[in-house]
């Protein structure tokens, strides 16, 4: 099992996305967060499933696209 490390900018982005969504639908904001956390759990078990981060020279850096984010 791998460890997931969130960058500060990723944490801030997620917080901003959830805030934006919650303005129209607090329940969908929670649904969205749960979807992201579920994807992260998959990534822990299958670390190669994410795409390589284009900006990084480290081949172990991965990212997942969730919906449009």
PDB file of N, CA and C in Angstrom:
ATOM      1  N   UNK A   1       0.851  -1.178   0.000  1.00  0.00           N
ATOM      2  CA  UNK A   1       0.000   0.000   0.000  1.00  0.00           C
ATOM      3  C   UNK A   1       0.892   1.235   0.000  1.00  0.00           C
ATOM      4  N   UNK A   2       0.524   2.228  -0.768  1.00  0.00           N
ATOM      5  CA  UNK A   2       1.305   3.463  -0.871  1.00  0.00           C
ATOM      6  C   UNK A   2       0.716   4.554   0.009  1.00  0.00           C
ATOM      7  N   UNK A   3       1.500   5.569   0.223  1.00  0.00           N
ATOM      8  CA  UNK A   3       1.032   6.719   0.989  1.00  0.00           C
ATOM      9  C   UNK A   3       0.659   7.832   0.013  1.00  0.00           C
ATOM     10  N   UNK A   4      -0.472   8.444   0.248  1.00  0.00           N
ATOM     11  CA  UNK A   4      -0.921   9.555  -0.583  1.00  0.00           C
ATOM     12  C   UNK A   4      -0.476  10.849   0.080  1.00  0.00           C
ATOM     13  N   UNK A   5       0.160  11.684  -0.689  1.00  0.00           N
ATOM     14  CA  UNK A   5       0.649  12.959  -0.174  1.00  0.00           C
ATOM     15  C   UNK A   5      -0.009  14.090  -0.966  1.00  0.00           C
ATOM     16  N   UNK A   6      -0.771  14.914  -0.273  1.00  0.00           N
ATOM     17  CA  UNK A   6      -1.458  16.039  -0.908  1.00  0.00           C
ATOM     18  C   UNK A   6      -0.557  17.263  -0.882  1.00  0.00           C
ATOM     19  N   UNK A   7      -0.423  17.927  -2.000  1.00  0.00           N
ATOM     20  CA  UNK A   7       0.294  19.201  -2.018  1.00  0.00           C
ATOM     21  C   UNK A   7      -0.610  20.268  -1.401  1.00  0.00           C
ATOM     22  N   UNK A   8      -0.003  21.331  -0.948  1.00  0.00           N
ATOM     23  CA  UNK A   8      -0.796  22.422  -0.367  1.00  0.00           C
ATOM     24  C   UNK A   8      -1.741  23.011  -1.410  1.00  0.00           C
ATOM     25  N   UNK A   9      -1.271  23.125  -2.641  1.00  0.00           N
ATOM     26  CA  UNK A   9      -2.140  23.684  -3.686  1.00  0.00           C
ATOM     27  C   UNK A   9      -3.318  22.750  -3.987  1.00  0.00           C
ATOM     28  N   UNK A  10      -3.096  21.438  -3.914  1.00  0.00           N
ATOM     29  CA  UNK A  10      -4.197  20.489  -4.138  1.00  0.00           C
ATOM     30  C   UNK A  10      -5.233  20.594  -3.029  1.00  0.00           C
ATOM     31  N   UNK A  11      -4.774  20.734  -1.796  1.00  0.00           N
ATOM     32  CA  UNK A  11      -5.703  20.902  -0.671  1.00  0.00           C
ATOM     33  C   UNK A  11      -6.534  22.173  -0.848  1.00  0.00           C
ATOM     34  N   UNK A  12      -5.853  23.242  -1.230  1.00  0.00           N
ATOM     35  CA  UNK A  12      -6.546  24.519  -1.419  1.00  0.00           C
ATOM     36  C   UNK A  12      -7.537  24.430  -2.581  1.00  0.00           C
ATOM     37  N   UNK A  13      -7.118  23.809  -3.669  1.00  0.00           N
ATOM     38  CA  UNK A  13      -8.015  23.638  -4.816  1.00  0.00           C
ATOM     39  C   UNK A  13      -9.261  22.851  -4.428  1.00  0.00           C
ATOM     40  N   UNK A  14      -9.074  21.752  -3.709  1.00  0.00           N
ATOM     41  CA  UNK A  14     -10.216  20.934  -3.304  1.00  0.00           C
ATOM     42  C   UNK A  14     -11.154  21.729  -2.409  1.00  0.00           C
ATOM     43  N   UNK A  15     -10.602  22.450  -1.479  1.00  0.00           N
ATOM     44  CA  UNK A  15     -11.421  23.272  -0.584  1.00  0.00           C
ATOM     45  C   UNK A  15     -12.236  24.288  -1.392  1.00  0.00           C
ATOM     46  N   UNK A  16     -11.594  24.938  -2.368  1.00  0.00           N
ATOM     47  CA  UNK A  16     -12.290  25.922  -3.200  1.00  0.00           C
ATOM     48  C   UNK A  16     -13.378  25.277  -4.066  1.00  0.00           C
ATOM     49  N   UNK A  17     -13.097  24.112  -4.616  1.00  0.00           N
ATOM     50  CA  UNK A  17     -14.081  23.399  -5.426  1.00  0.00           C
ATOM     51  C   UNK A  17     -15.288  23.031  -4.576  1.00  0.00           C
ATOM     52  N   UNK A  18     -15.034  22.484  -3.395  1.00  0.00           N
ATOM     53  CA  UNK A  18     -16.136  22.080  -2.518  1.00  0.00           C
ATOM     54  C   UNK A  18     -16.954  23.292  -2.087  1.00  0.00           C
ATOM     55  N   UNK A  19     -16.295  24.396  -1.808  1.00  0.00           N
ATOM     56  CA  UNK A  19     -17.013  25.623  -1.439  1.00  0.00           C
ATOM     57  C   UNK A  19     -17.902  26.083  -2.595  1.00  0.00           C
ATOM     58  N   UNK A  20     -17.356  26.084  -3.796  1.00  0.00           N
ATOM     59  CA  UNK A  20     -18.115  26.502  -4.980  1.00  0.00           C
ATOM     60  C   UNK A  20     -19.341  25.615  -5.192  1.00  0.00           C
ATOM     61  N   UNK A  21     -19.155  24.308  -5.118  1.00  0.00           N
ATOM     62  CA  UNK A  21     -20.266  23.377  -5.320  1.00  0.00           C
ATOM     63  C   UNK A  21     -21.310  23.534  -4.227  1.00  0.00           C
ATOM     64  N   UNK A  22     -20.866  23.723  -3.002  1.00  0.00           N
ATOM     65  CA  UNK A  22     -21.799  23.792  -1.868  1.00  0.00           C
ATOM     66  C   UNK A  22     -22.698  25.021  -1.917  1.00  0.00           C
ATOM     67  N   UNK A  23     -22.301  26.030  -2.666  1.00  0.00           N
ATOM     68  CA  UNK A  23     -23.158  27.208  -2.789  1.00  0.00           C
ATOM     69  C   UNK A  23     -24.471  26.872  -3.472  1.00  0.00           C
ATOM     70  N   UNK A  24     -24.440  25.932  -4.412  1.00  0.00           N
ATOM     71  CA  UNK A  24     -25.658  25.495  -5.094  1.00  0.00           C
ATOM     72  C   UNK A  24     -26.256  24.241  -4.478  1.00  0.00           C
ATOM     73  N   UNK A  25     -25.389  23.358  -3.979  1.00  0.00           N
ATOM     74  CA  UNK A  25     -25.883  22.080  -3.481  1.00  0.00           C
ATOM     75  C   UNK A  25     -24.939  21.489  -2.432  1.00  0.00           C
ATOM     76  N   UNK A  26     -25.204  21.754  -1.159  1.00  0.00           N
ATOM     77  CA  UNK A  26     -24.363  21.172  -0.109  1.00  0.00           C
ATOM     78  C   UNK A  26     -24.309  19.646  -0.167  1.00  0.00           C
ATOM     79  N   UNK A  27     -25.422  19.021  -0.526  1.00  0.00           N
ATOM     80  CA  UNK A  27     -25.431  17.556  -0.570  1.00  0.00           C
ATOM     81  C   UNK A  27     -24.556  17.043  -1.720  1.00  0.00           C
ATOM     82  N   UNK A  28     -24.557  17.741  -2.859  1.00  0.00           N
ATOM     83  CA  UNK A  28     -23.701  17.312  -3.964  1.00  0.00           C
ATOM     84  C   UNK A  28     -22.237  17.552  -3.635  1.00  0.00           C
ATOM     85  N   UNK A  29     -21.958  18.596  -2.881  1.00  0.00           N
ATOM     86  CA  UNK A  29     -20.590  18.855  -2.439  1.00  0.00           C
ATOM     87  C   UNK A  29     -20.063  17.673  -1.627  1.00  0.00           C
ATOM     88  N   UNK A  30     -20.889  17.150  -0.753  1.00  0.00           N
ATOM     89  CA  UNK A  30     -20.503  15.984   0.050  1.00  0.00           C
ATOM     90  C   UNK A  30     -20.342  14.750  -0.839  1.00  0.00           C
ATOM     91  N   UNK A  31     -21.250  14.563  -1.783  1.00  0.00           N
ATOM     92  CA  UNK A  31     -21.166  13.452  -2.731  1.00  0.00           C
ATOM     93  C   UNK A  31     -19.862  13.538  -3.536  1.00  0.00           C
ATOM     94  N   UNK A  32     -19.517  14.745  -3.977  1.00  0.00           N
ATOM     95  CA  UNK A  32     -18.310  14.975  -4.753  1.00  0.00           C
ATOM     96  C   UNK A  32     -17.066  14.617  -3.934  1.00  0.00           C
ATOM     97  N   UNK A  33     -17.028  15.091  -2.693  1.00  0.00           N
ATOM     98  CA  UNK A  33     -15.891  14.784  -1.821  1.00  0.00           C
ATOM     99  C   UNK A  33     -15.755  13.276  -1.612  1.00  0.00           C
ATOM    100  N   UNK A  34     -16.862  12.601  -1.372  1.00  0.00           N
ATOM    101  CA  UNK A  34     -16.817  11.148  -1.186  1.00  0.00           C
ATOM    102  C   UNK A  34     -16.294  10.445  -2.437  1.00  0.00           C
ATOM    103  N   UNK A  35     -16.664  10.952  -3.610  1.00  0.00           N
ATOM    104  CA  UNK A  35     -16.164  10.375  -4.858  1.00  0.00           C
ATOM    105  C   UNK A  35     -14.659  10.521  -4.984  1.00  0.00           C
ATOM    106  N   UNK A  36     -14.153  11.669  -4.602  1.00  0.00           N
ATOM    107  CA  UNK A  36     -12.706  11.900  -4.651  1.00  0.00           C
ATOM    108  C   UNK A  36     -11.988  10.984  -3.667  1.00  0.00           C
ATOM    109  N   UNK A  37     -12.510  10.894  -2.457  1.00  0.00           N
ATOM    110  CA  UNK A  37     -11.876  10.035  -1.456  1.00  0.00           C
ATOM    111  C   UNK A  37     -11.896   8.570  -1.878  1.00  0.00           C
ATOM    112  N   UNK A  38     -12.951   8.161  -2.569  1.00  0.00           N
ATOM    113  CA  UNK A  38     -13.026   6.787  -3.082  1.00  0.00           C
ATOM    114  C   UNK A  38     -11.947   6.551  -4.134  1.00  0.00           C
ATOM    115  N   UNK A  39     -11.759   7.501  -5.034  1.00  0.00           N
ATOM    116  CA  UNK A  39     -10.706   7.375  -6.053  1.00  0.00           C
ATOM    117  C   UNK A  39      -9.324   7.268  -5.402  1.00  0.00           C
ATOM    118  N   UNK A  40      -9.126   8.025  -4.328  1.00  0.00           N
ATOM    119  CA  UNK A  40      -7.846   7.994  -3.633  1.00  0.00           C
ATOM    120  C   UNK A  40      -7.607   6.615  -3.035  1.00  0.00           C
ATOM    121  N   UNK A  41      -8.643   6.007  -2.504  1.00  0.00           N
ATOM    122  CA  UNK A  41      -8.501   4.652  -1.964  1.00  0.00           C
ATOM    123  C   UNK A  41      -8.094   3.680  -3.060  1.00  0.00           C
ATOM    124  N   UNK A  42      -8.656   3.811  -4.263  1.00  0.00           N
ATOM    125  CA  UNK A  42      -8.244   2.970  -5.385  1.00  0.00           C
ATOM    126  C   UNK A  42      -6.768   3.199  -5.704  1.00  0.00           C
ATOM    127  N   UNK A  43      -6.371   4.446  -5.693  1.00  0.00           N
ATOM    128  CA  UNK A  43      -4.988   4.778  -6.012  1.00  0.00           C
ATOM    129  C   UNK A  43      -4.025   4.166  -5.008  1.00  0.00           C
ATOM    130  N   UNK A  44      -4.417   4.081  -3.752  1.00  0.00           N
ATOM    131  CA  UNK A  44      -3.560   3.449  -2.743  1.00  0.00           C
ATOM    132  C   UNK A  44      -3.286   1.988  -3.096  1.00  0.00           C
ATOM    133  N   UNK A  45      -4.289   1.300  -3.572  1.00  0.00           N
ATOM    134  CA  UNK A  45      -4.144  -0.109  -3.917  1.00  0.00           C
ATOM    135  C   UNK A  45      -3.523  -0.345  -5.287  1.00  0.00           C
ATOM    136  N   UNK A  46      -3.701   0.626  -6.179  1.00  0.00           N
ATOM    137  CA  UNK A  46      -3.211   0.503  -7.548  1.00  0.00           C
ATOM    138  C   UNK A  46      -2.493   1.797  -7.937  1.00  0.00           C
ATOM    139  N   UNK A  47      -1.305   2.017  -7.396  1.00  0.00           N
ATOM    140  CA  UNK A  47      -0.629   3.305  -7.564  1.00  0.00           C
ATOM    141  C   UNK A  47      -0.273   3.666  -9.004  1.00  0.00           C
ATOM    142  N   UNK A  48      -0.206   2.707  -9.881  1.00  0.00           N
ATOM    143  CA  UNK A  48       0.142   3.011 -11.269  1.00  0.00           C
ATOM    144  C   UNK A  48      -1.067   3.418 -12.100  1.00  0.00           C
ATOM    145  N   UNK A  49      -2.278   3.396 -11.494  1.00  0.00           N
ATOM    146  CA  UNK A  49      -3.466   3.711 -12.285  1.00  0.00           C
ATOM    147  C   UNK A  49      -3.576   5.199 -12.605  1.00  0.00           C
ATOM    148  N   UNK A  50      -2.982   6.035 -11.805  1.00  0.00           N
ATOM    149  CA  UNK A  50      -3.005   7.465 -12.102  1.00  0.00           C
ATOM    150  C   UNK A  50      -2.032   7.774 -13.216  1.00  0.00           C
ATOM    151  N   UNK A  51      -2.278   8.878 -13.889  1.00  0.00           N
ATOM    152  CA  UNK A  51      -1.322   9.254 -14.946  1.00  0.00           C
ATOM    153  C   UNK A  51      -0.127   9.958 -14.317  1.00  0.00           C
ATOM    154  N   UNK A  52       1.001   9.873 -14.989  1.00  0.00           N
ATOM    155  CA  UNK A  52       2.197  10.558 -14.512  1.00  0.00           C
ATOM    156  C   UNK A  52       1.944  12.055 -14.572  1.00  0.00           C
ATOM    157  N   UNK A  53       2.442  12.754 -13.578  1.00  0.00           N
ATOM    158  CA  UNK A  53       2.285  14.204 -13.537  1.00  0.00           C
ATOM    159  C   UNK A  53       3.253  14.814 -14.546  1.00  0.00           C
ATOM    160  N   UNK A  54       2.739  15.501 -15.571  1.00  0.00           N
ATOM    161  CA  UNK A  54       3.615  16.016 -16.621  1.00  0.00           C
ATOM    162  C   UNK A  54       4.673  16.991 -16.115  1.00  0.00           C
ATOM    163  N   UNK A  55       4.356  17.739 -15.069  1.00  0.00           N
ATOM    164  CA  UNK A  55       5.283  18.754 -14.561  1.00  0.00           C
ATOM    165  C   UNK A  55       6.374  18.172 -13.668  1.00  0.00           C
ATOM    166  N   UNK A  56       6.286  16.887 -13.345  1.00  0.00           N
ATOM    167  CA  UNK A  56       7.222  16.279 -12.401  1.00  0.00           C
ATOM    168  C   UNK A  56       8.201  15.343 -13.104  1.00  0.00           C
ATOM    169  N   UNK A  57       9.418  15.348 -12.605  1.00  0.00           N
ATOM    170  CA  UNK A  57      10.422  14.410 -13.111  1.00  0.00           C
ATOM    171  C   UNK A  57      10.382  13.072 -12.373  1.00  0.00           C
ATOM    172  N   UNK A  58       9.609  13.017 -11.301  1.00  0.00           N
ATOM    173  CA  UNK A  58       9.499  11.794 -10.499  1.00  0.00           C
ATOM    174  C   UNK A  58       8.410  10.897 -11.096  1.00  0.00           C
ATOM    175  N   UNK A  59       8.761   9.722 -11.611  1.00  0.00           N
ATOM    176  CA  UNK A  59       7.764   8.842 -12.221  1.00  0.00           C
ATOM    177  C   UNK A  59       6.745   8.288 -11.226  1.00  0.00           C
ATOM    178  N   UNK A  60       7.019   8.451  -9.932  1.00  0.00           N
ATOM    179  CA  UNK A  60       6.062   7.987  -8.926  1.00  0.00           C
ATOM    180  C   UNK A  60       4.984   9.014  -8.625  1.00  0.00           C
ATOM    181  N   UNK A  61       5.144  10.245  -9.085  1.00  0.00           N
ATOM    182  CA  UNK A  61       4.098  11.253  -8.907  1.00  0.00           C
ATOM    183  C   UNK A  61       2.959  10.937  -9.860  1.00  0.00           C
ATOM    184  N   UNK A  62       1.765  10.804  -9.319  1.00  0.00           N
ATOM    185  CA  UNK A  62       0.595  10.438 -10.119  1.00  0.00           C
ATOM    186  C   UNK A  62      -0.540  11.393  -9.849  1.00  0.00           C
ATOM    187  N   UNK A  63      -1.445  11.487 -10.806  1.00  0.00           N
ATOM    188  CA  UNK A  63      -2.642  12.286 -10.611  1.00  0.00           C
ATOM    189  C   UNK A  63      -3.831  11.563 -11.225  1.00  0.00           C
ATOM    190  N   UNK A  64      -4.978  11.828 -10.668  1.00  0.00           N
ATOM    191  CA  UNK A  64      -6.223  11.273 -11.182  1.00  0.00           C
ATOM    192  C   UNK A  64      -7.144  12.428 -11.562  1.00  0.00           C
ATOM    193  N   UNK A  65      -7.839  12.252 -12.642  1.00  0.00           N
ATOM    194  CA  UNK A  65      -8.858  13.214 -13.036  1.00  0.00           C
ATOM    195  C   UNK A  65     -10.186  12.676 -12.522  1.00  0.00           C
ATOM    196  N   UNK A  66     -10.906  13.516 -11.816  1.00  0.00           N
ATOM    197  CA  UNK A  66     -12.219  13.138 -11.300  1.00  0.00           C
ATOM    198  C   UNK A  66     -13.229  14.128 -11.854  1.00  0.00           C
ATOM    199  N   UNK A  67     -14.175  13.610 -12.604  1.00  0.00           N
ATOM    200  CA  UNK A  67     -15.139  14.429 -13.334  1.00  0.00           C
ATOM    201  C   UNK A  67     -14.367  15.452 -14.159  1.00  0.00           C
ATOM    202  N   UNK A  68     -14.528  16.737 -13.914  1.00  0.00           N
ATOM    203  CA  UNK A  68     -13.782  17.734 -14.694  1.00  0.00           C
ATOM    204  C   UNK A  68     -12.599  18.305 -13.917  1.00  0.00           C
ATOM    205  N   UNK A  69     -12.197  17.647 -12.854  1.00  0.00           N
ATOM    206  CA  UNK A  69     -11.148  18.182 -11.990  1.00  0.00           C
ATOM    207  C   UNK A  69      -9.971  17.217 -11.900  1.00  0.00           C
TER     208      UNK A  69
END
